[in-house]
Protein backbone atom coordinates (compact mmCIF):
# COMPACT_ATOMS: atom_id res chain seq x y z
CA MET A 1 89.34 47.53 173.45
CA THR A 2 89.40 49.24 170.08
CA PHE A 3 86.52 49.13 167.62
CA GLU A 4 88.42 46.80 165.27
CA GLU A 5 89.03 44.39 168.16
CA LEU A 6 85.37 44.61 169.09
CA LYS A 7 84.34 43.75 165.51
CA GLU A 8 86.55 40.67 165.39
CA TYR A 9 85.49 39.66 168.90
CA GLY A 10 81.88 39.95 167.79
CA GLN A 11 82.28 37.42 165.00
CA LEU A 12 82.90 34.68 167.56
CA PHE A 13 79.45 34.90 169.08
CA TYR A 14 77.30 36.00 166.17
CA ARG A 15 75.46 32.96 164.93
CA ALA A 16 75.14 33.96 161.27
CA ASN A 17 78.89 33.61 160.86
CA TYR A 18 78.73 29.95 161.82
CA LYS A 19 77.63 27.77 158.93
CA LEU A 20 75.48 25.51 161.10
CA ASP A 21 72.92 22.96 160.06
CA SER A 22 69.19 23.31 160.73
CA ASP A 23 69.59 21.92 164.27
CA LEU A 24 72.15 24.58 165.19
CA GLU A 25 74.66 21.97 166.27
CA THR A 26 77.72 22.92 168.28
CA LYS A 27 80.96 23.71 166.47
CA THR A 28 84.22 23.09 168.34
CA PHE A 29 87.61 24.67 167.64
CA LYS A 30 90.80 23.69 169.44
CA ILE A 31 93.30 26.51 169.46
CA LYS A 32 96.83 25.14 169.26
CA ASN A 33 97.98 26.20 165.83
CA ILE A 34 95.83 29.15 164.84
CA LYS A 35 96.92 29.21 161.22
CA SER A 36 95.59 25.70 160.70
CA TYR A 37 92.08 27.11 161.12
CA GLN A 38 92.42 29.79 158.51
CA HIS A 39 90.03 27.87 156.23
CA GLU A 40 87.51 25.84 158.17
CA GLN A 41 85.13 23.79 156.04
CA ASN A 42 81.51 24.81 156.54
CA ASP A 43 78.26 22.91 156.07
CA GLU A 44 77.77 24.09 152.49
CA GLY A 45 80.97 22.60 151.10
CA GLY A 46 82.77 25.93 151.18
CA TYR A 47 85.21 27.44 153.65
CA THR A 48 85.02 30.13 156.30
CA ASP A 49 88.05 32.23 157.19
CA TRP A 50 88.56 32.05 160.95
CA THR A 51 92.09 33.35 161.36
CA ASP A 52 91.30 36.92 162.46
CA ASN A 53 88.60 35.77 164.85
CA LEU A 54 90.74 33.12 166.48
CA VAL A 55 93.67 35.50 166.81
CA THR A 56 91.37 37.92 168.62
CA LEU A 57 90.15 35.23 171.02
CA TYR A 58 93.71 34.03 171.51
CA ASN A 59 94.94 37.53 172.32
CA LEU A 60 92.09 38.08 174.76
CA LEU A 61 92.37 34.80 176.63
CA SER A 62 96.01 33.66 176.47
CA PRO A 63 97.19 36.08 179.21
CA VAL A 64 94.58 34.57 181.55
CA ILE A 65 94.44 30.86 180.67
CA GLY A 66 97.59 30.17 178.65
CA LYS A 67 98.35 29.44 175.02
CA THR A 68 96.55 26.11 174.64
CA PHE A 69 92.80 26.02 175.02
CA GLY A 70 89.63 25.02 173.20
CA PHE A 71 86.03 26.16 173.06
CA ASP A 72 82.67 25.25 171.65
CA ILE A 73 79.52 27.30 171.13
CA ASN A 74 76.00 25.89 171.24
CA PHE A 75 73.45 28.28 169.80
CA LYS A 76 70.53 26.15 170.95
CA THR A 77 71.37 26.77 174.59
CA ARG A 78 73.15 30.09 173.88
CA GLN A 79 76.14 28.83 175.83
CA MET A 80 79.87 28.62 175.23
CA SER A 81 82.19 26.13 176.95
CA LEU A 82 85.86 27.00 177.36
CA PHE A 83 88.46 24.29 178.10
CA PHE A 84 92.01 24.94 179.35
CA PRO A 85 94.72 23.02 181.29
CA LEU A 86 94.30 22.11 184.96
CA LYS A 87 97.64 23.72 185.84
CA ILE A 88 96.30 27.16 184.91
CA LYS A 89 94.99 29.05 187.91
CA THR A 90 92.44 31.78 187.19
CA THR A 91 89.13 32.96 188.57
CA GLN A 92 85.62 33.44 187.26
CA ALA A 93 86.00 37.18 187.84
CA ASP A 94 89.18 37.32 185.73
CA LEU A 95 87.44 35.54 182.86
CA ASN A 96 84.44 37.86 183.07
CA LYS A 97 86.76 40.85 182.84
CA THR A 98 88.51 39.33 179.81
CA LEU A 99 85.23 38.57 178.00
CA PRO A 100 83.22 41.72 178.77
CA LEU A 101 80.19 41.18 176.52
CA VAL A 102 79.26 37.72 177.82
CA ASP A 103 78.73 36.23 181.31
CA VAL A 104 80.98 33.51 182.76
CA ILE A 105 78.45 31.69 184.95
CA ALA A 106 80.58 28.80 186.20
CA LEU A 107 84.20 27.65 186.45
CA ASN A 108 84.64 23.96 187.24
CA GLN A 109 87.15 21.13 186.69
CA ASP A 110 86.97 17.59 185.37
CA GLU A 111 89.71 14.98 185.37
CA SER A 112 91.65 16.68 182.57
CA SER A 113 90.85 20.39 182.34
CA ASN A 114 89.25 23.53 183.64
CA ILE A 115 85.81 24.15 182.14
CA ALA A 116 84.25 27.61 182.03
CA THR A 117 80.54 27.81 181.19
CA ILE A 118 79.66 31.08 179.47
CA ASP A 119 76.20 32.55 178.83
CA ILE A 120 76.21 34.36 175.45
CA SER A 121 72.48 35.24 175.37
CA LYS A 122 73.06 38.93 176.14
CA PHE A 123 75.88 39.32 173.65
CA ASN A 124 73.92 40.88 170.77
CA ASP A 125 72.41 43.63 172.94
CA ARG A 126 75.72 44.40 174.63
CA TYR A 127 77.60 44.38 171.36
CA ALA A 128 75.12 46.83 169.83
CA TYR A 129 75.44 49.12 172.85
CA ALA A 130 79.24 48.95 172.81
CA SER A 131 79.18 49.79 169.10
CA SER A 132 77.03 52.84 169.82
CA LEU A 133 79.78 54.09 172.13
CA TYR A 134 82.24 53.84 169.27
CA ASP A 135 79.81 55.69 167.02
CA ALA A 136 80.23 58.65 169.34
CA ASN A 137 84.03 58.30 169.39
CA PRO A 138 85.34 56.00 166.62
CA ILE A 139 88.97 56.12 167.74
CA ALA A 140 88.27 55.40 171.40
CA ASP A 141 89.97 52.57 173.28
CA LEU A 142 87.26 51.65 175.78
CA ASP A 143 87.33 49.61 178.94
CA LEU A 144 84.26 47.40 178.54
CA SER A 145 85.00 45.20 181.53
CA ASP A 146 81.89 46.37 183.39
CA LEU A 147 79.16 47.50 181.06
CA ASP A 148 76.67 47.84 183.92
CA LYS A 149 78.55 50.89 185.17
CA ILE A 150 78.43 52.66 181.81
CA LYS A 151 75.30 54.76 181.51
CA PRO A 152 73.80 54.92 178.03
CA SER A 153 73.57 58.34 176.42
CA ASP A 154 70.15 59.90 175.92
CA SER A 155 70.33 59.11 172.19
CA SER A 156 70.52 55.37 172.83
CA SER A 157 67.09 55.24 174.47
CA SER A 158 63.83 55.95 172.78
CA SER A 159 60.11 55.68 173.28
CA ASP A 160 58.06 52.93 171.70
CA ASP A 161 56.41 55.50 169.43
CA LYS A 162 59.77 56.59 168.06
CA ALA A 163 60.71 52.97 167.42
CA TYR A 164 57.87 52.63 164.92
CA GLU A 165 57.43 56.16 163.61
CA ASP A 166 59.17 55.29 160.34
CA LEU A 167 57.11 52.14 159.76
CA ASN A 168 55.52 52.82 156.38
CA LEU A 169 53.73 49.68 155.30
CA ASN A 170 52.17 49.41 151.88
CA ILE A 171 48.86 47.67 152.65
CA GLU A 172 46.80 47.15 149.51
CA LYS A 173 43.30 45.79 149.06
CA LEU A 174 43.27 43.37 146.15
CA ASP A 175 40.61 43.80 143.45
CA THR A 176 38.59 40.60 143.66
CA SER A 177 36.15 41.80 140.96
CA VAL A 178 38.60 40.95 138.17
CA ASP A 179 39.20 37.54 136.61
CA ALA A 180 42.62 37.13 138.23
CA LEU A 181 43.22 33.65 136.84
CA LYS A 182 42.62 34.94 133.32
CA GLU A 183 44.94 37.89 133.93
CA LEU A 184 47.61 35.50 135.16
CA ASP A 185 47.24 33.39 132.01
CA GLU A 186 47.46 36.48 129.80
CA LEU A 187 50.73 37.75 131.27
CA THR A 188 53.49 37.76 128.67
CA GLY A 189 56.05 34.98 129.16
CA LEU A 190 56.67 33.49 132.62
CA ASP A 191 55.40 30.09 131.52
CA GLU A 192 57.21 28.14 134.26
CA ALA A 193 56.28 30.61 137.01
CA LYS A 194 52.62 30.58 135.96
CA LYS A 195 52.59 26.77 135.98
CA GLN A 196 54.04 26.66 139.50
CA ILE A 197 51.57 29.25 140.77
CA LYS A 198 48.64 27.32 139.30
CA ASP A 199 49.92 24.14 140.97
CA MET A 200 49.99 25.97 144.31
CA ILE A 201 46.44 27.22 143.77
CA ALA A 202 45.28 23.72 142.79
CA ILE A 203 46.61 22.02 145.91
CA ALA A 204 45.19 24.80 148.10
CA LYS A 205 41.73 24.43 146.50
CA ILE A 206 41.75 20.63 146.80
CA ASN A 207 42.71 20.78 150.47
CA GLN A 208 40.05 23.39 151.09
CA LEU A 209 37.40 21.07 149.56
CA ARG A 210 38.69 18.17 151.67
CA GLU A 211 38.35 20.27 154.83
CA GLU A 212 34.84 21.41 153.91
CA ARG A 213 33.75 17.78 153.47
CA GLY A 214 35.40 16.53 156.64
CA LEU A 215 38.07 14.58 154.81
CA LYS A 216 41.71 14.27 155.82
CA THR A 217 44.21 16.78 154.43
CA PRO A 218 47.98 16.32 154.07
CA ALA A 219 49.93 17.49 157.11
CA GLY A 220 52.59 20.15 156.81
CA ILE A 221 51.63 21.57 153.41
CA SER A 222 53.20 25.03 153.24
CA LYS A 223 51.73 27.89 151.21
CA HIS A 224 54.76 30.12 151.80
CA MET A 225 56.90 30.75 148.73
CA VAL A 226 60.20 32.12 147.50
CA PHE A 227 60.11 34.10 144.25
CA VAL A 228 63.49 34.32 142.54
CA GLY A 229 64.46 36.20 139.41
CA ASP A 230 65.97 39.38 138.05
CA PRO A 231 64.33 42.81 138.47
CA GLY A 232 61.31 43.50 136.29
CA THR A 233 60.31 39.87 135.80
CA GLY A 234 56.84 40.30 137.30
CA LYS A 235 57.33 38.93 140.81
CA THR A 236 55.14 41.53 142.52
CA THR A 237 52.48 41.38 139.81
CA VAL A 238 52.22 37.60 140.04
CA ALA A 239 52.17 37.71 143.85
CA LYS A 240 49.18 40.08 143.78
CA LEU A 241 47.31 37.92 141.26
CA PHE A 242 48.08 34.83 143.38
CA GLY A 243 46.67 36.59 146.45
CA THR A 244 43.61 37.72 144.51
CA ILE A 245 42.86 34.19 143.31
CA LEU A 246 43.20 32.83 146.85
CA ALA A 247 40.90 35.54 148.20
CA GLN A 248 38.33 34.86 145.45
CA ASN A 249 38.33 31.19 146.44
CA LYS A 250 38.12 31.97 150.19
CA ILE A 251 41.47 30.25 150.72
CA ILE A 252 42.67 33.39 152.53
CA SER A 253 40.21 35.32 154.67
CA GLU A 254 41.06 38.83 153.45
CA ASN A 255 41.89 40.33 150.06
CA LYS A 256 44.94 41.99 151.60
CA PHE A 257 48.45 42.36 150.19
CA VAL A 258 51.18 43.83 152.41
CA SER A 259 54.40 44.75 150.63
CA THR A 260 57.48 45.44 152.74
CA ASP A 261 61.25 45.14 152.91
CA ARG A 262 64.13 45.32 155.36
CA SER A 263 63.52 48.98 156.22
CA ASP A 264 60.20 48.12 157.92
CA LEU A 265 61.30 44.89 159.58
CA VAL A 266 64.69 45.79 161.05
CA GLY A 267 65.04 48.42 163.77
CA HIS A 268 67.85 50.90 164.11
CA TYR A 269 68.70 50.09 167.71
CA THR A 270 68.54 47.27 170.23
CA GLY A 271 65.15 45.87 171.20
CA THR A 272 63.02 47.19 168.33
CA THR A 273 63.43 44.66 165.53
CA ALA A 274 61.35 41.84 167.00
CA ASP A 275 58.44 44.16 167.78
CA ARG A 276 58.61 45.85 164.37
CA THR A 277 58.50 42.47 162.63
CA LYS A 278 55.59 41.36 164.80
CA LYS A 279 53.68 44.50 163.83
CA VAL A 280 54.32 43.81 160.14
CA ILE A 281 53.13 40.21 160.53
CA GLU A 282 50.00 41.34 162.39
CA SER A 283 49.21 43.82 159.60
CA ALA A 284 49.26 40.99 157.05
CA LEU A 285 47.19 38.38 158.94
CA GLY A 286 44.49 36.96 156.72
CA GLY A 287 46.37 37.89 153.56
CA ILE A 288 49.73 37.95 151.80
CA LEU A 289 52.99 39.34 153.22
CA PHE A 290 55.38 40.09 150.34
CA ILE A 291 58.98 40.84 151.38
CA ASP A 292 61.00 42.27 148.51
CA GLU A 293 64.79 41.84 148.34
CA ALA A 294 64.48 39.53 151.35
CA TYR A 295 68.16 38.58 151.20
CA GLN A 296 68.93 42.02 152.69
CA LEU A 297 67.64 40.73 156.03
CA SER A 298 70.77 38.64 156.45
CA HIS A 299 74.15 40.34 156.80
CA ALA A 300 76.34 37.46 157.90
CA ASP A 301 79.47 39.61 158.06
CA SER A 302 77.99 42.19 160.44
CA PRO A 303 77.60 41.06 164.05
CA THR A 304 75.77 44.26 165.02
CA ASP A 305 73.07 43.70 162.43
CA PHE A 306 69.60 42.96 163.79
CA GLY A 307 68.31 41.23 160.67
CA HIS A 308 68.52 37.78 162.26
CA GLU A 309 65.95 38.90 164.86
CA ALA A 310 63.51 39.71 162.05
CA ILE A 311 64.15 36.29 160.51
CA ASP A 312 63.46 34.61 163.87
CA GLN A 313 60.14 36.44 164.14
CA LEU A 314 59.17 35.51 160.58
CA ILE A 315 59.79 31.85 161.40
CA ILE A 316 57.67 32.17 164.54
CA GLY A 317 54.96 33.88 162.48
CA MET A 318 54.95 31.03 159.98
CA GLU A 319 54.51 28.51 162.79
CA ASN A 320 51.86 30.44 164.74
CA HIS A 321 49.75 31.58 161.77
CA ARG A 322 49.73 28.62 159.42
CA LYS A 323 46.11 29.13 158.40
CA ASP A 324 45.94 32.92 158.22
CA LEU A 325 49.23 34.10 156.73
CA ILE A 326 51.13 33.49 153.51
CA ILE A 327 54.66 34.89 153.28
CA ILE A 328 56.40 35.37 149.94
CA LEU A 329 60.12 36.16 149.98
CA ALA A 330 61.41 37.70 146.75
CA GLY A 331 64.82 38.59 145.36
CA TYR A 332 67.65 37.88 142.92
CA THR A 333 68.21 34.16 142.33
CA ASP A 334 71.82 33.83 143.52
CA ARG A 335 71.44 36.11 146.51
CA MET A 336 68.26 34.37 147.65
CA GLU A 337 70.03 31.01 147.50
CA GLU A 338 72.83 32.39 149.69
CA PHE A 339 70.24 33.84 152.04
CA LEU A 340 68.41 30.52 152.42
CA ASN A 341 71.71 28.66 152.90
CA ASP A 342 72.54 31.02 155.76
CA ASN A 343 69.06 30.60 157.26
CA PRO A 344 68.13 26.89 157.15
CA GLY A 345 65.09 27.50 159.36
CA LEU A 346 63.53 29.48 156.54
CA ARG A 347 64.55 27.03 153.84
CA SER A 348 62.87 24.13 155.65
CA ARG A 349 59.64 26.09 156.09
CA ILE A 350 59.41 27.42 152.53
CA PRO A 351 59.82 24.50 150.14
CA ASN A 352 58.08 26.27 147.25
CA ARG A 353 60.45 28.02 144.81
CA VAL A 354 59.03 29.95 141.86
CA PHE A 355 61.55 30.98 139.21
CA PHE A 356 60.92 34.05 137.07
CA ALA A 357 62.94 33.87 133.87
CA ASP A 358 64.17 36.94 132.01
CA TYR A 359 61.96 37.98 129.11
CA THR A 360 63.00 37.13 125.57
CA THR A 361 63.39 39.83 122.90
CA ALA A 362 60.01 39.04 121.41
CA GLU A 363 58.37 39.11 124.84
CA LEU A 364 59.82 42.55 125.65
CA VAL A 365 58.53 43.93 122.35
CA LYS A 366 55.11 42.45 123.11
CA ILE A 367 55.12 43.87 126.66
CA ILE A 368 55.57 47.43 125.37
CA LYS A 369 52.73 47.01 122.87
CA THR A 370 50.53 45.42 125.57
CA MET A 371 51.13 48.43 127.85
CA MET A 372 49.99 50.73 125.05
CA GLU A 373 46.90 48.64 124.33
CA HIS A 374 46.01 48.36 128.01
CA GLU A 375 46.17 52.12 128.65
CA GLY A 376 44.61 53.03 125.29
CA ILE A 377 46.25 56.48 125.15
CA VAL A 378 48.39 56.16 122.04
CA LYS A 379 48.85 53.86 119.04
CA LEU A 380 51.79 53.02 116.80
CA GLU A 381 51.80 54.71 113.42
CA ASP A 382 54.12 52.04 111.98
CA VAL A 383 54.01 48.73 113.89
CA LYS A 384 56.61 47.05 111.66
CA TYR A 385 59.10 49.87 112.20
CA PHE A 386 58.54 49.67 115.96
CA ASP A 387 59.08 45.88 116.00
CA LYS A 388 62.25 46.11 113.90
CA THR A 389 63.78 49.06 115.76
CA VAL A 390 63.13 47.77 119.29
CA THR A 391 64.19 44.23 118.40
CA GLU A 392 67.50 45.41 116.96
CA PHE A 393 68.17 47.58 120.01
CA ILE A 394 67.51 44.73 122.44
CA GLU A 395 69.65 42.23 120.55
CA THR A 396 72.51 44.73 120.24
CA ASN A 397 72.45 46.30 123.72
CA HIS A 398 70.91 43.56 125.91
CA PRO A 399 69.15 46.00 128.26
CA SER A 400 68.64 45.02 131.89
CA GLY A 401 65.49 45.59 133.88
CA ASN A 402 63.13 43.38 131.87
CA ALA A 403 59.58 44.81 132.09
CA ARG A 404 60.89 47.89 133.93
CA TRP A 405 63.00 48.70 130.90
CA ALA A 406 59.97 48.11 128.67
CA ARG A 407 57.90 50.56 130.73
CA ASN A 408 60.69 53.12 130.53
CA VAL A 409 60.65 52.85 126.73
CA TYR A 410 56.87 53.31 126.66
CA GLN A 411 57.09 56.38 128.89
CA ALA A 412 59.95 57.75 126.79
CA MET A 413 57.78 57.41 123.68
CA LEU A 414 55.04 59.40 125.38
CA GLN A 415 57.59 62.04 126.32
CA ALA A 416 58.99 62.18 122.78
CA GLN A 417 55.49 62.56 121.36
CA ALA A 418 54.70 65.32 123.87
CA ARG A 419 57.91 67.15 122.96
CA ARG A 420 56.99 66.98 119.26
CA VAL A 421 53.32 67.88 119.54
CA ALA A 422 52.91 70.17 122.57
CA PHE A 423 53.98 73.37 120.82
CA MET A 424 52.14 72.81 117.56
CA GLU A 425 49.70 75.60 116.84
CA LYS A 426 46.76 73.29 116.22
CA PRO A 427 47.62 69.61 116.81
CA SER A 428 45.14 67.16 115.31
CA ASN A 429 43.66 64.18 117.08
CA ASP A 430 46.05 61.99 115.13
CA ASP A 431 48.98 64.08 116.40
CA LEU A 432 47.76 63.46 119.95
CA THR A 433 47.05 59.79 119.38
CA TYR A 434 49.87 58.33 117.29
CA ILE A 435 53.48 57.52 118.14
CA ASN A 436 55.49 58.00 114.95
CA ASN A 437 58.90 56.66 113.95
CA GLU A 438 60.65 59.82 115.13
CA ASP A 439 59.17 59.29 118.61
CA ILE A 440 60.35 55.69 118.63
CA ASP A 441 63.90 56.67 117.66
CA ALA A 442 64.01 59.39 120.32
CA ALA A 443 62.66 57.05 123.00
CA ILE A 444 65.19 54.31 122.25
CA ALA A 445 68.05 56.83 122.20
CA ASN A 446 67.03 58.28 125.57
CA THR A 447 66.30 55.07 127.49
CA PRO A 448 69.39 53.67 129.26
CA ALA A 449 70.08 50.02 128.59
CA ASN A 450 71.37 49.44 132.12
């Protein structure tokens, strides 16, 4: 089996490639005219291209069971059923040799066909191991008919310590001494996001009061959220303020904010992802777990990817720690929608969507001035010139990055001022304090719009 054949073979058993509903219902495909399945309608109203995958299955199985057969896969039971004509004579051993990464556990007959029952639960681990063999020799044509006889290389095994040595969690203690609700209100823009966050805080506080007074509380209220929006729209800042407000009101037990991403959750080899994700969840218990660019957990076109194992553990964590964990998934709007469509278990458990709109021109100008006021290091010599120059640049060049772009402009102004003043023989306090029009022009010219 070549690596390309292995890749196509893998698509058949990797659940993320099947657009299933939240119950993981079985999909059935009858293979008579392969081309008719080139575009199979999926559950989202779109189409999935099955031709290459079905051709691979056809090429694998037709020498053993003939040219007409059907199969279904049930991801709830992790089983596949294979149907082929009664007149075909084959054995369980022959089928196991033909499908090396799964286990044919039974071969029976009914009144109309042979039925092979196939256990696919070990497929992901075996696929990952087979892929590691190709990593060592990409052009190999391997006989994978008996994986148990192939001894893994030393590089494929590792100690538990090595599995987690690159885990670099950002665990932050939130400052509960500040007036976080006021700071949330004073953030520039984000009117809709702030309203949604306040609504979440309100329902959490009301339910907390009900519990304290022995009253009934609504069942199934989820505090988990999805933050969607472009980069630099304040998702992390708002998440921290949200966590701070909850901690101040004793709605969460610890003023803890854990920020992570795919690199911490997903392991590099078989058997590590679930434990890594569990460790991340444990580190966040009592507080907020913020997963940035969460859509990167799901690579539906890569059957060797372990991201789905992390997603499974996150779902388990949400179920097992309803009272002591809040998970916030963040990312670009379109990609997060695709991610949730591919992972209906997450969508059903996180009904709360908070949208972070891009900042307007006026808001970006205000953000830069607010940064200057907040740090108190420099002042504008000519506020009107600053407003006019930055506004014209934004409306002409439409810079991306939102508040990140605004911070870059502020830092570029500091750099321009430093370049102008540092080598003066005796700079005055005003020289050290004021950003002049020359600094503004230099900063705008040296800050990329994209």
